Amino acid sequence: MEVFVRAGHLGGSIEELSKVLDSILMQGGMGVEIKDGEKLYFNIPLVVGMFEMQIGRHTPEFIKDFNAYTSHSRFGLNY
């Protein structure tokens, strides 16, 4: 697993990392493709990915945090 090769020095095992990544996947925070029997995890775009994957679970806190994040100048918007 390429992610483990890059981040394995942070501790834990490949099995623990797989559990964490699968948890993020199940919450709509990333995507996965299976190629040659191996899971290939990938980032999904924020607006057309993560936000929509949370439909039905948006809380007032989530919306507040999302608005704060997407309104920040590092996101590309200046007010």
PDB file of N, CA and C in Angstrom:
ATOM      1  N   MET A   1       0.853  -1.166   0.000  1.00  0.00           N
ATOM      2  CA  MET A   1       0.000   0.000   0.000  1.00  0.00           C
ATOM      3  C   MET A   1       0.900   1.231   0.000  1.00  0.00           C
ATOM      4  N   GLU A   2       0.750   2.042  -1.031  1.00  0.00           N
ATOM      5  CA  GLU A   2       1.608   3.219  -1.195  1.00  0.00           C
ATOM      6  C   GLU A   2       1.450   4.212  -0.045  1.00  0.00           C
ATOM      7  N   VAL A   3       0.233   4.346   0.465  1.00  0.00           N
ATOM      8  CA  VAL A   3       0.009   5.259   1.593  1.00  0.00           C
ATOM      9  C   VAL A   3       0.853   4.827   2.787  1.00  0.00           C
ATOM     10  N   PHE A   4       0.909   3.529   3.044  1.00  0.00           N
ATOM     11  CA  PHE A   4       1.694   3.032   4.179  1.00  0.00           C
ATOM     12  C   PHE A   4       3.179   3.269   3.951  1.00  0.00           C
ATOM     13  N   VAL A   5       3.628   3.110   2.724  1.00  0.00           N
ATOM     14  CA  VAL A   5       5.041   3.355   2.415  1.00  0.00           C
ATOM     15  C   VAL A   5       5.390   4.808   2.722  1.00  0.00           C
ATOM     16  N   ARG A   6       4.469   5.716   2.371  1.00  0.00           N
ATOM     17  CA  ARG A   6       4.725   7.137   2.597  1.00  0.00           C
ATOM     18  C   ARG A   6       4.557   7.558   4.053  1.00  0.00           C
ATOM     19  N   ALA A   7       3.603   6.941   4.760  1.00  0.00           N
ATOM     20  CA  ALA A   7       3.263   7.415   6.100  1.00  0.00           C
ATOM     21  C   ALA A   7       3.530   6.398   7.200  1.00  0.00           C
ATOM     22  N   GLY A   8       4.099   5.259   6.861  1.00  0.00           N
ATOM     23  CA  GLY A   8       4.332   4.213   7.849  1.00  0.00           C
ATOM     24  C   GLY A   8       5.198   4.640   9.008  1.00  0.00           C
ATOM     25  N   HIS A   9       6.059   5.605   8.764  1.00  0.00           N
ATOM     26  CA  HIS A   9       6.936   6.086   9.826  1.00  0.00           C
ATOM     27  C   HIS A   9       6.159   6.764  10.958  1.00  0.00           C
ATOM     28  N   LEU A  10       4.884   7.081  10.721  1.00  0.00           N
ATOM     29  CA  LEU A  10       4.069   7.736  11.737  1.00  0.00           C
ATOM     30  C   LEU A  10       3.558   6.751  12.782  1.00  0.00           C
ATOM     31  N   GLY A  11       3.769   5.471  12.520  1.00  0.00           N
ATOM     32  CA  GLY A  11       3.384   4.452  13.497  1.00  0.00           C
ATOM     33  C   GLY A  11       2.193   3.642  13.045  1.00  0.00           C
ATOM     34  N   GLY A  12       1.970   2.543  13.737  1.00  0.00           N
ATOM     35  CA  GLY A  12       0.842   1.683  13.405  1.00  0.00           C
ATOM     36  C   GLY A  12       1.217   0.651  12.361  1.00  0.00           C
ATOM     37  N   SER A  13       0.237  -0.190  12.068  1.00  0.00           N
ATOM     38  CA  SER A  13       0.452  -1.247  11.091  1.00  0.00           C
ATOM     39  C   SER A  13      -0.360  -0.966   9.837  1.00  0.00           C
ATOM     40  N   ILE A  14      -0.101  -1.721   8.806  1.00  0.00           N
ATOM     41  CA  ILE A  14      -0.853  -1.568   7.564  1.00  0.00           C
ATOM     42  C   ILE A  14      -2.323  -1.925   7.793  1.00  0.00           C
ATOM     43  N   GLU A  15      -2.599  -2.870   8.694  1.00  0.00           N
ATOM     44  CA  GLU A  15      -3.975  -3.241   9.012  1.00  0.00           C
ATOM     45  C   GLU A  15      -4.702  -2.094   9.707  1.00  0.00           C
ATOM     46  N   GLU A  16      -4.023  -1.423  10.640  1.00  0.00           N
ATOM     47  CA  GLU A  16      -4.625  -0.280  11.334  1.00  0.00           C
ATOM     48  C   GLU A  16      -4.902   0.858  10.365  1.00  0.00           C
ATOM     49  N   LEU A  17      -3.960   1.115   9.465  1.00  0.00           N
ATOM     50  CA  LEU A  17      -4.147   2.157   8.464  1.00  0.00           C
ATOM     51  C   LEU A  17      -5.328   1.818   7.563  1.00  0.00           C
ATOM     52  N   SER A  18      -5.458   0.570   7.161  1.00  0.00           N
ATOM     53  CA  SER A  18      -6.580   0.153   6.313  1.00  0.00           C
ATOM     54  C   SER A  18      -7.909   0.404   7.006  1.00  0.00           C
ATOM     55  N   LYS A  19      -7.976   0.132   8.312  1.00  0.00           N
ATOM     56  CA  LYS A  19      -9.211   0.377   9.065  1.00  0.00           C
ATOM     57  C   LYS A  19      -9.558   1.862   9.081  1.00  0.00           C
ATOM     58  N   VAL A  20      -8.547   2.702   9.286  1.00  0.00           N
ATOM     59  CA  VAL A  20      -8.772   4.151   9.307  1.00  0.00           C
ATOM     60  C   VAL A  20      -9.255   4.622   7.934  1.00  0.00           C
ATOM     61  N   LEU A  21      -8.573   4.180   6.874  1.00  0.00           N
ATOM     62  CA  LEU A  21      -8.959   4.599   5.527  1.00  0.00           C
ATOM     63  C   LEU A  21     -10.352   4.107   5.169  1.00  0.00           C
ATOM     64  N   ASP A  22     -10.696   2.884   5.549  1.00  0.00           N
ATOM     65  CA  ASP A  22     -12.030   2.361   5.278  1.00  0.00           C
ATOM     66  C   ASP A  22     -13.095   3.144   6.044  1.00  0.00           C
ATOM     67  N   SER A  23     -12.778   3.577   7.245  1.00  0.00           N
ATOM     68  CA  SER A  23     -13.707   4.396   8.022  1.00  0.00           C
ATOM     69  C   SER A  23     -13.956   5.733   7.324  1.00  0.00           C
ATOM     70  N   ILE A  24     -12.884   6.371   6.849  1.00  0.00           N
ATOM     71  CA  ILE A  24     -13.017   7.635   6.111  1.00  0.00           C
ATOM     72  C   ILE A  24     -13.836   7.398   4.846  1.00  0.00           C
ATOM     73  N   LEU A  25     -13.585   6.304   4.158  1.00  0.00           N
ATOM     74  CA  LEU A  25     -14.310   5.951   2.946  1.00  0.00           C
ATOM     75  C   LEU A  25     -15.806   5.813   3.230  1.00  0.00           C
ATOM     76  N   MET A  26     -16.163   5.111   4.297  1.00  0.00           N
ATOM     77  CA  MET A  26     -17.567   4.886   4.625  1.00  0.00           C
ATOM     78  C   MET A  26     -18.293   6.174   5.009  1.00  0.00           C
ATOM     79  N   GLN A  27     -17.541   7.179   5.420  1.00  0.00           N
ATOM     80  CA  GLN A  27     -18.130   8.463   5.780  1.00  0.00           C
ATOM     81  C   GLN A  27     -18.157   9.432   4.595  1.00  0.00           C
ATOM     82  N   GLY A  28     -17.716   8.968   3.435  1.00  0.00           N
ATOM     83  CA  GLY A  28     -17.742   9.806   2.239  1.00  0.00           C
ATOM     84  C   GLY A  28     -16.587  10.773   2.130  1.00  0.00           C
ATOM     85  N   GLY A  29     -15.508  10.533   2.874  1.00  0.00           N
ATOM     86  CA  GLY A  29     -14.376  11.452   2.872  1.00  0.00           C
ATOM     87  C   GLY A  29     -13.317  11.146   1.839  1.00  0.00           C
ATOM     88  N   MET A  30     -13.454  10.030   1.134  1.00  0.00           N
ATOM     89  CA  MET A  30     -12.505   9.675   0.079  1.00  0.00           C
ATOM     90  C   MET A  30     -13.146   8.619  -0.805  1.00  0.00           C
ATOM     91  N   GLY A  31     -12.463   8.297  -1.865  1.00  0.00           N
ATOM     92  CA  GLY A  31     -12.948   7.265  -2.774  1.00  0.00           C
ATOM     93  C   GLY A  31     -11.981   6.096  -2.823  1.00  0.00           C
ATOM     94  N   VAL A  32     -12.403   5.010  -3.457  1.00  0.00           N
ATOM     95  CA  VAL A  32     -11.550   3.837  -3.592  1.00  0.00           C
ATOM     96  C   VAL A  32     -11.841   3.163  -4.930  1.00  0.00           C
ATOM     97  N   GLU A  33     -10.806   2.635  -5.498  1.00  0.00           N
ATOM     98  CA  GLU A  33     -10.904   1.826  -6.716  1.00  0.00           C
ATOM     99  C   GLU A  33     -10.134   0.544  -6.429  1.00  0.00           C
ATOM    100  N   ILE A  34     -10.679  -0.577  -6.844  1.00  0.00           N
ATOM    101  CA  ILE A  34      -9.971  -1.839  -6.636  1.00  0.00           C
ATOM    102  C   ILE A  34      -9.350  -2.254  -7.956  1.00  0.00           C
ATOM    103  N   LYS A  35      -8.034  -2.395  -7.940  1.00  0.00           N
ATOM    104  CA  LYS A  35      -7.289  -2.747  -9.149  1.00  0.00           C
ATOM    105  C   LYS A  35      -6.350  -3.890  -8.811  1.00  0.00           C
ATOM    106  N   ASP A  36      -6.473  -4.966  -9.543  1.00  0.00           N
ATOM    107  CA  ASP A  36      -5.649  -6.158  -9.297  1.00  0.00           C
ATOM    108  C   ASP A  36      -5.755  -6.625  -7.847  1.00  0.00           C
ATOM    109  N   GLY A  37      -6.969  -6.514  -7.280  1.00  0.00           N
ATOM    110  CA  GLY A  37      -7.199  -6.972  -5.919  1.00  0.00           C
ATOM    111  C   GLY A  37      -6.700  -6.032  -4.832  1.00  0.00           C
ATOM    112  N   GLU A  38      -6.176  -4.894  -5.202  1.00  0.00           N
ATOM    113  CA  GLU A  38      -5.652  -3.934  -4.222  1.00  0.00           C
ATOM    114  C   GLU A  38      -6.538  -2.700  -4.202  1.00  0.00           C
ATOM    115  N   LYS A  39      -6.834  -2.208  -2.990  1.00  0.00           N
ATOM    116  CA  LYS A  39      -7.608  -0.982  -2.857  1.00  0.00           C
ATOM    117  C   LYS A  39      -6.703   0.211  -3.132  1.00  0.00           C
ATOM    118  N   LEU A  40      -7.145   1.061  -4.028  1.00  0.00           N
ATOM    119  CA  LEU A  40      -6.433   2.295  -4.336  1.00  0.00           C
ATOM    120  C   LEU A  40      -7.310   3.452  -3.862  1.00  0.00           C
ATOM    121  N   TYR A  41      -6.937   4.050  -2.753  1.00  0.00           N
ATOM    122  CA  TYR A  41      -7.704   5.149  -2.178  1.00  0.00           C
ATOM    123  C   TYR A  41      -7.347   6.442  -2.905  1.00  0.00           C
ATOM    124  N   PHE A  42      -8.323   7.335  -3.006  1.00  0.00           N
ATOM    125  CA  PHE A  42      -8.056   8.623  -3.649  1.00  0.00           C
ATOM    126  C   PHE A  42      -8.905   9.707  -3.018  1.00  0.00           C
ATOM    127  N   ASN A  43      -8.389  10.929  -3.093  1.00  0.00           N
ATOM    128  CA  ASN A  43      -9.136  12.092  -2.617  1.00  0.00           C
ATOM    129  C   ASN A  43     -10.273  12.363  -3.591  1.00  0.00           C
ATOM    130  N   ILE A  44     -11.369  12.858  -3.067  1.00  0.00           N
ATOM    131  CA  ILE A  44     -12.454  13.298  -3.926  1.00  0.00           C
ATOM    132  C   ILE A  44     -12.574  14.806  -3.766  1.00  0.00           C
ATOM    133  N   PRO A  45     -12.976  15.486  -4.823  1.00  0.00           N
ATOM    134  CA  PRO A  45     -13.093  16.946  -4.722  1.00  0.00           C
ATOM    135  C   PRO A  45     -14.051  17.337  -3.615  1.00  0.00           C
ATOM    136  N   LEU A  46     -13.727  18.404  -2.918  1.00  0.00           N
ATOM    137  CA  LEU A  46     -14.522  18.828  -1.777  1.00  0.00           C
ATOM    138  C   LEU A  46     -15.962  19.140  -2.164  1.00  0.00           C
ATOM    139  N   VAL A  47     -16.185  20.054  -3.059  1.00  0.00           N
ATOM    140  CA  VAL A  47     -17.545  20.516  -3.331  1.00  0.00           C
ATOM    141  C   VAL A  47     -18.367  19.472  -4.071  1.00  0.00           C
ATOM    142  N   VAL A  48     -17.800  18.822  -5.061  1.00  0.00           N
ATOM    143  CA  VAL A  48     -18.584  17.840  -5.815  1.00  0.00           C
ATOM    144  C   VAL A  48     -18.352  16.431  -5.313  1.00  0.00           C
ATOM    145  N   GLY A  49     -17.829  16.316  -4.141  1.00  0.00           N
ATOM    146  CA  GLY A  49     -17.581  14.998  -3.569  1.00  0.00           C
ATOM    147  C   GLY A  49     -18.001  14.938  -2.120  1.00  0.00           C
ATOM    148  N   MET A  50     -17.142  15.432  -1.255  1.00  0.00           N
ATOM    149  CA  MET A  50     -17.392  15.314   0.181  1.00  0.00           C
ATOM    150  C   MET A  50     -18.701  15.962   0.609  1.00  0.00           C
ATOM    151  N   PHE A  51     -18.978  17.157   0.124  1.00  0.00           N
ATOM    152  CA  PHE A  51     -20.184  17.858   0.557  1.00  0.00           C
ATOM    153  C   PHE A  51     -21.428  17.051   0.207  1.00  0.00           C
ATOM    154  N   GLU A  52     -21.500  16.576  -1.040  1.00  0.00           N
ATOM    155  CA  GLU A  52     -22.661  15.815  -1.463  1.00  0.00           C
ATOM    156  C   GLU A  52     -22.751  14.458  -0.773  1.00  0.00           C
ATOM    157  N   MET A  53     -21.605  13.861  -0.425  1.00  0.00           N
ATOM    158  CA  MET A  53     -21.617  12.564   0.241  1.00  0.00           C
ATOM    159  C   MET A  53     -22.192  12.680   1.660  1.00  0.00           C
ATOM    160  N   GLN A  54     -22.352  13.896   2.145  1.00  0.00           N
ATOM    161  CA  GLN A  54     -22.882  14.110   3.488  1.00  0.00           C
ATOM    162  C   GLN A  54     -24.361  14.509   3.476  1.00  0.00           C
ATOM    163  N   ILE A  55     -25.015  14.505   2.304  1.00  0.00           N
ATOM    164  CA  ILE A  55     -26.424  14.883   2.221  1.00  0.00           C
ATOM    165  C   ILE A  55     -27.221  14.048   3.226  1.00  0.00           C
ATOM    166  N   GLY A  56     -28.057  14.703   3.983  1.00  0.00           N
ATOM    167  CA  GLY A  56     -28.840  14.036   5.012  1.00  0.00           C
ATOM    168  C   GLY A  56     -28.153  13.996   6.365  1.00  0.00           C
ATOM    169  N   ARG A  57     -26.871  14.375   6.385  1.00  0.00           N
ATOM    170  CA  ARG A  57     -26.126  14.375   7.647  1.00  0.00           C
ATOM    171  C   ARG A  57     -25.593  15.760   7.986  1.00  0.00           C
ATOM    172  N   HIS A  58     -25.949  16.771   7.200  1.00  0.00           N
ATOM    173  CA  HIS A  58     -25.459  18.120   7.479  1.00  0.00           C
ATOM    174  C   HIS A  58     -26.055  18.623   8.791  1.00  0.00           C
ATOM    175  N   THR A  59     -25.170  18.977   9.693  1.00  0.00           N
ATOM    176  CA  THR A  59     -25.601  19.560  10.968  1.00  0.00           C
ATOM    177  C   THR A  59     -25.319  21.060  10.902  1.00  0.00           C
ATOM    178  N   PRO A  60     -25.926  21.832  11.774  1.00  0.00           N
ATOM    179  CA  PRO A  60     -25.603  23.263  11.798  1.00  0.00           C
ATOM    180  C   PRO A  60     -24.100  23.506  11.990  1.00  0.00           C
ATOM    181  N   GLU A  61     -23.460  22.668  12.794  1.00  0.00           N
ATOM    182  CA  GLU A  61     -22.016  22.820  13.018  1.00  0.00           C
ATOM    183  C   GLU A  61     -21.223  22.532  11.744  1.00  0.00           C
ATOM    184  N   PHE A  62     -21.633  21.473  11.014  1.00  0.00           N
ATOM    185  CA  PHE A  62     -20.959  21.142   9.757  1.00  0.00           C
ATOM    186  C   PHE A  62     -21.078  22.294   8.774  1.00  0.00           C
ATOM    187  N   ILE A  63     -22.274  22.839   8.637  1.00  0.00           N
ATOM    188  CA  ILE A  63     -22.492  23.940   7.689  1.00  0.00           C
ATOM    189  C   ILE A  63     -21.676  25.164   8.100  1.00  0.00           C
ATOM    190  N   LYS A  64     -21.631  25.451   9.406  1.00  0.00           N
ATOM    191  CA  LYS A  64     -20.824  26.580   9.894  1.00  0.00           C
ATOM    192  C   LYS A  64     -19.350  26.358   9.560  1.00  0.00           C
ATOM    193  N   ASP A  65     -18.829  25.165   9.848  1.00  0.00           N
ATOM    194  CA  ASP A  65     -17.421  24.858   9.568  1.00  0.00           C
ATOM    195  C   ASP A  65     -17.150  24.889   8.069  1.00  0.00           C
ATOM    196  N   PHE A  66     -18.068  24.333   7.279  1.00  0.00           N
ATOM    197  CA  PHE A  66     -17.890  24.324   5.824  1.00  0.00           C
ATOM    198  C   PHE A  66     -17.840  25.744   5.291  1.00  0.00           C
ATOM    199  N   ASN A  67     -18.761  26.579   5.737  1.00  0.00           N
ATOM    200  CA  ASN A  67     -18.775  27.973   5.277  1.00  0.00           C
ATOM    201  C   ASN A  67     -17.505  28.704   5.693  1.00  0.00           C
ATOM    202  N   ALA A  68     -17.031  28.457   6.911  1.00  0.00           N
ATOM    203  CA  ALA A  68     -15.791  29.098   7.362  1.00  0.00           C
ATOM    204  C   ALA A  68     -14.609  28.630   6.511  1.00  0.00           C
ATOM    205  N   TYR A  69     -14.557  27.334   6.222  1.00  0.00           N
ATOM    206  CA  TYR A  69     -13.454  26.777   5.436  1.00  0.00           C
ATOM    207  C   TYR A  69     -13.459  27.321   4.010  1.00  0.00           C
ATOM    208  N   THR A  70     -14.626  27.318   3.364  1.00  0.00           N
ATOM    209  CA  THR A  70     -14.681  27.731   1.960  1.00  0.00           C
ATOM    210  C   THR A  70     -14.646  29.243   1.791  1.00  0.00           C
ATOM    211  N   SER A  71     -14.782  29.987   2.894  1.00  0.00           N
ATOM    212  CA  SER A  71     -14.707  31.442   2.821  1.00  0.00           C
ATOM    213  C   SER A  71     -13.306  31.962   3.109  1.00  0.00           C
ATOM    214  N   HIS A  72     -12.411  31.095   3.510  1.00  0.00           N
ATOM    215  CA  HIS A  72     -11.055  31.501   3.866  1.00  0.00           C
ATOM    216  C   HIS A  72     -10.257  31.835   2.605  1.00  0.00           C
ATOM    217  N   SER A  73      -9.360  32.786   2.707  1.00  0.00           N
ATOM    218  CA  SER A  73      -8.563  33.206   1.547  1.00  0.00           C
ATOM    219  C   SER A  73      -7.713  32.073   0.982  1.00  0.00           C
ATOM    220  N   ARG A  74      -7.330  31.091   1.803  1.00  0.00           N
ATOM    221  CA  ARG A  74      -6.554  29.956   1.294  1.00  0.00           C
ATOM    222  C   ARG A  74      -7.391  29.066   0.377  1.00  0.00           C
ATOM    223  N   PHE A  75      -8.710  29.173   0.474  1.00  0.00           N
ATOM    224  CA  PHE A  75      -9.601  28.424  -0.389  1.00  0.00           C
ATOM    225  C   PHE A  75      -9.779  29.145  -1.724  1.00  0.00           C
ATOM    226  N   GLY A  76      -9.314  30.381  -1.797  1.00  0.00           N
ATOM    227  CA  GLY A  76      -9.379  31.122  -3.043  1.00  0.00           C
ATOM    228  C   GLY A  76     -10.367  32.265  -3.036  1.00  0.00           C
ATOM    229  N   LEU A  77     -10.991  32.538  -1.908  1.00  0.00           N
ATOM    230  CA  LEU A  77     -11.955  33.616  -1.820  1.00  0.00           C
ATOM    231  C   LEU A  77     -11.451  34.687  -0.878  1.00  0.00           C
ATOM    232  N   ASN A  78     -11.594  35.922  -1.276  1.00  0.00           N
ATOM    233  CA  ASN A  78     -11.238  37.044  -0.410  1.00  0.00           C
ATOM    234  C   ASN A  78     -12.472  37.898  -0.222  1.00  0.00           C
ATOM    235  N   TYR A  79     -12.788  38.195   1.017  1.00  0.00           N
ATOM    236  CA  TYR A  79     -13.919  39.052   1.339  1.00  0.00           C
ATOM    237  C   TYR A  79     -13.434  40.309   1.978  1.00  0.00           C
TER     238      TYR A  79
END
